[in-house]
Amino acid sequence: MTESFLFHESQLIEVGLNNAQPEEVPPPAFVPPCISIDVSHLFTTDQIFPTRDDLINWVHGIAIENGYVVLITKSDSGGNGSRKAYVMLGCEKHGKYVPYRDPDLVEGTRTQKTECPFRLKGRPMKNGIDRDWRLKVMEGTHNHEPARSLLGHNFVGRLNSEEKEQVEKMSKSWVPPRKMLLTLKENNPLNLTTISQIYGACKRLRKSLRGSLSL
């Protein structure tokens, strides 16, 4: 064997380094968009709400009309009067995205969180009593644009208690799901329920009616 085919140790190391696979570069950290949309005036009110649910429903209605979805982020019923009752509401895009442990399971996905600072706080005027609630704007700005349409959004399309009763009655009368949806929208033109949510409600109803028979 001639010397032309011999490699010194330093040459072997150099060849190994050149053939090494490049290290994976982690994706850049999410940077919230530089947008500030002030909607404080929409939620600034002196209105007194009879109950906590009335306050929450009012906030949901105003938010949806303007292309936003507001959720309960924290709340306390007040216990036996030892604590102050309150409910904190924030944008659905509040908080930070927590990535999955296995990145392969979510390849190609992206977070919907924008660390939106929007916050509202509701409290009863009398501590420990679920009546006469008032609303206070803690932070009235969103850091993202409103949605052009909320149709298909699971939260805004969910059925309320009255609509669930209507679906249950129609399901027992063998009304087709599409006619159920048409009836709901005729009763409430602002209804954003989708046909898939109607099918889901019917499925849960059938499962509850079967009860122990499904075991």
C-alpha atoms as a PDB file:
ATOM      1  CA  MET A   1       0.000   0.000   0.000  1.00  0.00           C
ATOM      2  CA  THR A   2       1.407   3.345  -1.012  1.00  0.00           C
ATOM      3  CA  GLU A   3       1.594   6.397   1.158  1.00  0.00           C
ATOM      4  CA  SER A   4      -1.009   8.173  -1.048  1.00  0.00           C
ATOM      5  CA  PHE A   5      -3.738   5.991   0.508  1.00  0.00           C
ATOM      6  CA  LEU A   6      -2.659   6.542   4.085  1.00  0.00           C
ATOM      7  CA  PHE A   7      -4.388   9.116   6.286  1.00  0.00           C
ATOM      8  CA  HIS A   8      -2.878  10.627   9.336  1.00  0.00           C
ATOM      9  CA  GLU A   9      -4.943  10.844  12.547  1.00  0.00           C
ATOM     10  CA  SER A  10      -5.479  14.590  12.099  1.00  0.00           C
ATOM     11  CA  GLN A  11      -6.795  13.986   8.577  1.00  0.00           C
ATOM     12  CA  LEU A  12      -9.262  11.349   9.818  1.00  0.00           C
ATOM     13  CA  ILE A  13     -10.583  13.744  12.463  1.00  0.00           C
ATOM     14  CA  GLU A  14     -10.953  16.466   9.858  1.00  0.00           C
ATOM     15  CA  VAL A  15     -12.840  14.130   7.503  1.00  0.00           C
ATOM     16  CA  GLY A  16     -15.148  13.047  10.329  1.00  0.00           C
ATOM     17  CA  LEU A  17     -15.931  16.645  11.222  1.00  0.00           C
ATOM     18  CA  ASN A  18     -16.681  17.534   7.621  1.00  0.00           C
ATOM     19  CA  ASN A  19     -19.122  14.619   7.319  1.00  0.00           C
ATOM     20  CA  ALA A  20     -20.891  15.338  10.624  1.00  0.00           C
ATOM     21  CA  GLN A  21     -24.590  16.212  10.444  1.00  0.00           C
ATOM     22  CA  PRO A  22     -25.369  19.883  11.164  1.00  0.00           C
ATOM     23  CA  GLU A  23     -27.002  20.563  14.499  1.00  0.00           C
ATOM     24  CA  GLU A  24     -30.720  21.329  14.448  1.00  0.00           C
ATOM     25  CA  VAL A  25     -31.405  24.999  15.010  1.00  0.00           C
ATOM     26  CA  PRO A  26     -34.352  25.566  17.398  1.00  0.00           C
ATOM     27  CA  PRO A  27     -37.191  27.700  16.035  1.00  0.00           C
ATOM     28  CA  PRO A  28     -37.087  31.346  17.026  1.00  0.00           C
ATOM     29  CA  ALA A  29     -39.018  32.352  20.108  1.00  0.00           C
ATOM     30  CA  PHE A  30     -42.512  33.727  19.531  1.00  0.00           C
ATOM     31  CA  VAL A  31     -42.580  37.510  19.456  1.00  0.00           C
ATOM     32  CA  PRO A  32     -45.970  39.149  20.129  1.00  0.00           C
ATOM     33  CA  PRO A  33     -47.097  41.451  17.320  1.00  0.00           C
ATOM     34  CA  CYS A  34     -46.721  45.198  17.769  1.00  0.00           C
ATOM     35  CA  ILE A  35     -50.438  45.963  17.624  1.00  0.00           C
ATOM     36  CA  SER A  36     -52.527  47.834  20.158  1.00  0.00           C
ATOM     37  CA  ILE A  37     -56.292  48.039  19.721  1.00  0.00           C
ATOM     38  CA  ASP A  38     -58.066  49.795  22.576  1.00  0.00           C
ATOM     39  CA  VAL A  39     -61.613  48.561  23.235  1.00  0.00           C
ATOM     40  CA  SER A  40     -61.928  49.935  26.757  1.00  0.00           C
ATOM     41  CA  HIS A  41     -64.934  52.050  25.813  1.00  0.00           C
ATOM     42  CA  LEU A  42     -66.897  48.948  24.839  1.00  0.00           C
ATOM     43  CA  PHE A  43     -66.659  47.462  28.324  1.00  0.00           C
ATOM     44  CA  THR A  44     -66.619  50.601  30.458  1.00  0.00           C
ATOM     45  CA  THR A  45     -70.047  50.675  32.066  1.00  0.00           C
ATOM     46  CA  ASP A  46     -71.833  51.697  35.252  1.00  0.00           C
ATOM     47  CA  GLN A  47     -74.353  48.936  34.717  1.00  0.00           C
ATOM     48  CA  ILE A  48     -75.117  46.730  37.702  1.00  0.00           C
ATOM     49  CA  PHE A  49     -75.608  43.055  36.822  1.00  0.00           C
ATOM     50  CA  PRO A  50     -78.013  40.977  38.930  1.00  0.00           C
ATOM     51  CA  THR A  51     -75.712  37.936  38.990  1.00  0.00           C
ATOM     52  CA  ARG A  52     -72.248  36.783  37.982  1.00  0.00           C
ATOM     53  CA  ASP A  53     -73.655  34.917  34.980  1.00  0.00           C
ATOM     54  CA  ASP A  54     -75.425  38.057  33.754  1.00  0.00           C
ATOM     55  CA  LEU A  55     -72.126  39.947  33.826  1.00  0.00           C
ATOM     56  CA  ILE A  56     -70.282  37.168  31.976  1.00  0.00           C
ATOM     57  CA  ASN A  57     -72.987  36.837  29.317  1.00  0.00           C
ATOM     58  CA  TRP A  58     -72.951  40.605  28.731  1.00  0.00           C
ATOM     59  CA  VAL A  59     -69.168  40.594  28.271  1.00  0.00           C
ATOM     60  CA  HIS A  60     -69.336  37.615  25.901  1.00  0.00           C
ATOM     61  CA  GLY A  61     -71.971  39.345  23.781  1.00  0.00           C
ATOM     62  CA  ILE A  62     -70.022  42.599  23.457  1.00  0.00           C
ATOM     63  CA  ALA A  63     -66.786  40.763  22.676  1.00  0.00           C
ATOM     64  CA  ILE A  64     -68.319  38.536  19.990  1.00  0.00           C
ATOM     65  CA  GLU A  65     -70.030  41.490  18.302  1.00  0.00           C
ATOM     66  CA  ASN A  66     -66.585  43.051  17.886  1.00  0.00           C
ATOM     67  CA  GLY A  67     -64.704  39.963  16.694  1.00  0.00           C
ATOM     68  CA  TYR A  68     -63.111  38.838  19.957  1.00  0.00           C
ATOM     69  CA  VAL A  69     -63.584  35.888  22.294  1.00  0.00           C
ATOM     70  CA  VAL A  70     -63.308  36.510  26.028  1.00  0.00           C
ATOM     71  CA  LEU A  71     -62.940  33.635  28.498  1.00  0.00           C
ATOM     72  CA  ILE A  72     -62.837  33.220  32.263  1.00  0.00           C
ATOM     73  CA  THR A  73     -59.169  33.097  33.241  1.00  0.00           C
ATOM     74  CA  LYS A  74     -59.575  33.025  37.025  1.00  0.00           C
ATOM     75  CA  SER A  75     -62.415  33.159  39.523  1.00  0.00           C
ATOM     76  CA  ASP A  76     -63.275  32.709  43.187  1.00  0.00           C
ATOM     77  CA  SER A  77     -66.738  32.132  44.608  1.00  0.00           C
ATOM     78  CA  GLY A  78     -65.709  33.652  47.923  1.00  0.00           C
ATOM     79  CA  GLY A  79     -66.094  30.455  49.909  1.00  0.00           C
ATOM     80  CA  ASN A  80     -68.076  31.058  53.099  1.00  0.00           C
ATOM     81  CA  GLY A  81     -67.369  34.757  53.012  1.00  0.00           C
ATOM     82  CA  SER A  82     -63.750  34.385  54.097  1.00  0.00           C
ATOM     83  CA  ARG A  83     -62.539  35.567  50.674  1.00  0.00           C
ATOM     84  CA  LYS A  84     -63.684  38.173  48.204  1.00  0.00           C
ATOM     85  CA  ALA A  85     -65.644  36.767  45.294  1.00  0.00           C
ATOM     86  CA  TYR A  86     -64.520  37.831  41.830  1.00  0.00           C
ATOM     87  CA  VAL A  87     -64.213  36.697  38.228  1.00  0.00           C
ATOM     88  CA  MET A  88     -61.333  37.607  35.926  1.00  0.00           C
ATOM     89  CA  LEU A  89     -61.945  37.587  32.191  1.00  0.00           C
ATOM     90  CA  GLY A  90     -59.310  37.696  29.476  1.00  0.00           C
ATOM     91  CA  CYS A  91     -58.859  37.285  25.765  1.00  0.00           C
ATOM     92  CA  GLU A  92     -58.645  33.732  24.435  1.00  0.00           C
ATOM     93  CA  LYS A  93     -55.173  34.648  23.143  1.00  0.00           C
ATOM     94  CA  HIS A  94     -53.845  35.548  26.593  1.00  0.00           C
ATOM     95  CA  GLY A  95     -50.868  33.734  28.089  1.00  0.00           C
ATOM     96  CA  LYS A  96     -47.907  31.996  26.518  1.00  0.00           C
ATOM     97  CA  TYR A  97     -47.787  28.913  24.354  1.00  0.00           C
ATOM     98  CA  VAL A  98     -46.390  25.832  26.108  1.00  0.00           C
ATOM     99  CA  PRO A  99     -44.836  23.490  23.494  1.00  0.00           C
ATOM    100  CA  TYR A 100     -45.437  19.742  23.582  1.00  0.00           C
ATOM    101  CA  ARG A 101     -42.645  17.515  24.831  1.00  0.00           C
ATOM    102  CA  ASP A 102     -42.584  15.622  21.543  1.00  0.00           C
ATOM    103  CA  PRO A 103     -42.144  18.169  18.715  1.00  0.00           C
ATOM    104  CA  ASP A 104     -42.888  15.487  16.096  1.00  0.00           C
ATOM    105  CA  LEU A 105     -46.521  15.347  17.233  1.00  0.00           C
ATOM    106  CA  VAL A 106     -47.143  18.982  16.413  1.00  0.00           C
ATOM    107  CA  GLU A 107     -44.920  19.487  13.380  1.00  0.00           C
ATOM    108  CA  GLY A 108     -46.205  22.299  11.214  1.00  0.00           C
ATOM    109  CA  THR A 109     -48.491  23.751  13.887  1.00  0.00           C
ATOM    110  CA  ARG A 110     -48.292  27.189  15.392  1.00  0.00           C
ATOM    111  CA  THR A 111     -49.553  28.848  18.534  1.00  0.00           C
ATOM    112  CA  GLN A 112     -52.695  30.960  18.705  1.00  0.00           C
ATOM    113  CA  LYS A 113     -51.450  32.673  21.872  1.00  0.00           C
ATOM    114  CA  THR A 114     -50.227  36.249  21.495  1.00  0.00           C
ATOM    115  CA  GLU A 115     -49.841  37.136  25.198  1.00  0.00           C
ATOM    116  CA  CYS A 116     -52.816  39.444  24.784  1.00  0.00           C
ATOM    117  CA  PRO A 117     -52.999  41.740  27.840  1.00  0.00           C
ATOM    118  CA  PHE A 118     -56.782  42.361  27.715  1.00  0.00           C
ATOM    119  CA  ARG A 119     -58.328  41.849  31.181  1.00  0.00           C
ATOM    120  CA  LEU A 120     -61.644  42.540  32.876  1.00  0.00           C
ATOM    121  CA  LYS A 121     -62.627  41.995  36.488  1.00  0.00           C
ATOM    122  CA  GLY A 122     -66.090  41.500  37.938  1.00  0.00           C
ATOM    123  CA  ARG A 123     -66.999  41.707  41.609  1.00  0.00           C
ATOM    124  CA  PRO A 124     -70.219  41.710  43.640  1.00  0.00           C
ATOM    125  CA  MET A 125     -71.024  44.946  45.426  1.00  0.00           C
ATOM    126  CA  LYS A 126     -71.698  42.936  48.586  1.00  0.00           C
ATOM    127  CA  ASN A 127     -69.013  40.416  49.451  1.00  0.00           C
ATOM    128  CA  GLY A 128     -70.121  36.797  49.480  1.00  0.00           C
ATOM    129  CA  ILE A 129     -73.506  37.523  47.884  1.00  0.00           C
ATOM    130  CA  ASP A 130     -74.107  36.569  44.273  1.00  0.00           C
ATOM    131  CA  ARG A 131     -75.923  39.726  43.252  1.00  0.00           C
ATOM    132  CA  ASP A 132     -75.251  43.288  42.120  1.00  0.00           C
ATOM    133  CA  TRP A 133     -72.058  42.612  40.203  1.00  0.00           C
ATOM    134  CA  ARG A 134     -70.023  45.397  38.649  1.00  0.00           C
ATOM    135  CA  LEU A 135     -67.411  45.290  35.919  1.00  0.00           C
ATOM    136  CA  LYS A 136     -64.031  47.002  35.850  1.00  0.00           C
ATOM    137  CA  VAL A 137     -61.642  47.268  32.914  1.00  0.00           C
ATOM    138  CA  MET A 138     -58.165  46.295  34.107  1.00  0.00           C
ATOM    139  CA  GLU A 139     -56.513  46.435  30.654  1.00  0.00           C
ATOM    140  CA  GLY A 140     -58.592  47.370  27.638  1.00  0.00           C
ATOM    141  CA  THR A 141     -56.200  46.737  24.749  1.00  0.00           C
ATOM    142  CA  HIS A 142     -55.733  43.734  22.462  1.00  0.00           C
ATOM    143  CA  ASN A 143     -52.425  43.075  20.713  1.00  0.00           C
ATOM    144  CA  HIS A 144     -54.059  41.416  17.686  1.00  0.00           C
ATOM    145  CA  GLU A 145     -56.682  42.172  15.087  1.00  0.00           C
ATOM    146  CA  PRO A 146     -60.302  41.080  15.622  1.00  0.00           C
ATOM    147  CA  ALA A 147     -61.493  37.994  13.773  1.00  0.00           C
ATOM    148  CA  ARG A 148     -63.279  38.646  10.495  1.00  0.00           C
ATOM    149  CA  SER A 149     -65.709  35.861  11.323  1.00  0.00           C
ATOM    150  CA  LEU A 150     -66.192  33.674  14.388  1.00  0.00           C
ATOM    151  CA  LEU A 151     -68.256  31.112  12.509  1.00  0.00           C
ATOM    152  CA  GLY A 152     -66.953  27.659  13.378  1.00  0.00           C
ATOM    153  CA  HIS A 153     -65.354  28.788  16.624  1.00  0.00           C
ATOM    154  CA  ASN A 154     -66.120  26.099  19.203  1.00  0.00           C
ATOM    155  CA  PHE A 155     -66.659  28.496  22.083  1.00  0.00           C
ATOM    156  CA  VAL A 156     -68.990  30.987  20.439  1.00  0.00           C
ATOM    157  CA  GLY A 157     -70.924  28.209  18.692  1.00  0.00           C
ATOM    158  CA  ARG A 158     -71.684  26.153  21.778  1.00  0.00           C
ATOM    159  CA  LEU A 159     -75.308  25.662  22.768  1.00  0.00           C
ATOM    160  CA  ASN A 160     -76.786  27.442  25.754  1.00  0.00           C
ATOM    161  CA  SER A 161     -79.190  25.726  28.166  1.00  0.00           C
ATOM    162  CA  GLU A 162     -82.317  26.723  26.216  1.00  0.00           C
ATOM    163  CA  GLU A 163     -80.838  25.571  22.905  1.00  0.00           C
ATOM    164  CA  LYS A 164     -79.799  22.249  24.457  1.00  0.00           C
ATOM    165  CA  GLU A 165     -83.404  21.690  25.547  1.00  0.00           C
ATOM    166  CA  GLN A 166     -84.630  22.506  22.038  1.00  0.00           C
ATOM    167  CA  VAL A 167     -82.149  20.087  20.475  1.00  0.00           C
ATOM    168  CA  GLU A 168     -83.152  17.387  22.956  1.00  0.00           C
ATOM    169  CA  LYS A 169     -86.858  17.772  22.124  1.00  0.00           C
ATOM    170  CA  MET A 170     -86.204  17.791  18.385  1.00  0.00           C
ATOM    171  CA  SER A 171     -83.900  14.779  18.647  1.00  0.00           C
ATOM    172  CA  LYS A 172     -86.593  12.778  20.460  1.00  0.00           C
ATOM    173  CA  SER A 173     -88.984  13.735  17.652  1.00  0.00           C
ATOM    174  CA  TRP A 174     -86.479  12.440  15.046  1.00  0.00           C
ATOM    175  CA  VAL A 175     -85.897  15.887  13.532  1.00  0.00           C
ATOM    176  CA  PRO A 176     -82.864  15.777  11.186  1.00  0.00           C
ATOM    177  CA  PRO A 177     -79.781  17.695  12.463  1.00  0.00           C
ATOM    178  CA  ARG A 178     -79.862  20.162   9.562  1.00  0.00           C
ATOM    179  CA  LYS A 179     -83.428  21.140  10.409  1.00  0.00           C
ATOM    180  CA  MET A 180     -82.397  21.489  14.051  1.00  0.00           C
ATOM    181  CA  LEU A 181     -79.688  23.942  13.051  1.00  0.00           C
ATOM    182  CA  LEU A 182     -82.108  25.867  10.837  1.00  0.00           C
ATOM    183  CA  THR A 183     -84.589  26.143  13.714  1.00  0.00           C
ATOM    184  CA  LEU A 184     -81.930  27.449  16.102  1.00  0.00           C
ATOM    185  CA  LYS A 185     -80.822  30.113  13.631  1.00  0.00           C
ATOM    186  CA  GLU A 186     -84.409  31.150  12.941  1.00  0.00           C
ATOM    187  CA  ASN A 187     -84.945  31.631  16.682  1.00  0.00           C
ATOM    188  CA  ASN A 188     -81.636  33.462  17.078  1.00  0.00           C
ATOM    189  CA  PRO A 189     -80.145  35.155  13.965  1.00  0.00           C
ATOM    190  CA  LEU A 190     -76.853  35.680  15.864  1.00  0.00           C
ATOM    191  CA  ASN A 191     -76.444  31.966  16.499  1.00  0.00           C
ATOM    192  CA  LEU A 192     -73.003  30.708  15.339  1.00  0.00           C
ATOM    193  CA  THR A 193     -73.513  26.999  15.972  1.00  0.00           C
ATOM    194  CA  THR A 194     -72.266  24.673  13.217  1.00  0.00           C
ATOM    195  CA  ILE A 195     -73.746  21.405  11.971  1.00  0.00           C
ATOM    196  CA  SER A 196     -70.847  19.450  13.522  1.00  0.00           C
ATOM    197  CA  GLN A 197     -71.775  20.828  16.944  1.00  0.00           C
ATOM    198  CA  ILE A 198     -75.372  19.722  16.412  1.00  0.00           C
ATOM    199  CA  TYR A 199     -74.174  16.208  15.538  1.00  0.00           C
ATOM    200  CA  GLY A 200     -71.993  16.233  18.658  1.00  0.00           C
ATOM    201  CA  ALA A 201     -74.911  17.322  20.862  1.00  0.00           C
ATOM    202  CA  CYS A 202     -77.127  14.559  19.428  1.00  0.00           C
ATOM    203  CA  LYS A 203     -74.403  11.984  19.985  1.00  0.00           C
ATOM    204  CA  ARG A 204     -73.984  12.980  23.634  1.00  0.00           C
ATOM    205  CA  LEU A 205     -77.750  12.916  24.102  1.00  0.00           C
ATOM    206  CA  ARG A 206     -78.048   9.384  22.693  1.00  0.00           C
ATOM    207  CA  LYS A 207     -75.190   8.250  24.908  1.00  0.00           C
ATOM    208  CA  SER A 208     -76.859   9.674  28.026  1.00  0.00           C
ATOM    209  CA  LEU A 209     -80.175   8.047  27.128  1.00  0.00           C
ATOM    210  CA  ARG A 210     -78.558   4.636  26.697  1.00  0.00           C
ATOM    211  CA  GLY A 211     -77.046   4.857  30.155  1.00  0.00           C
ATOM    212  CA  SER A 212     -76.066   1.493  31.520  1.00  0.00           C
ATOM    213  CA  LEU A 213     -77.189  -0.224  28.299  1.00  0.00           C
ATOM    214  CA  SER A 214     -73.943   0.925  26.655  1.00  0.00           C
ATOM    215  CA  LEU A 215     -71.869  -1.043  29.169  1.00  0.00           C
END
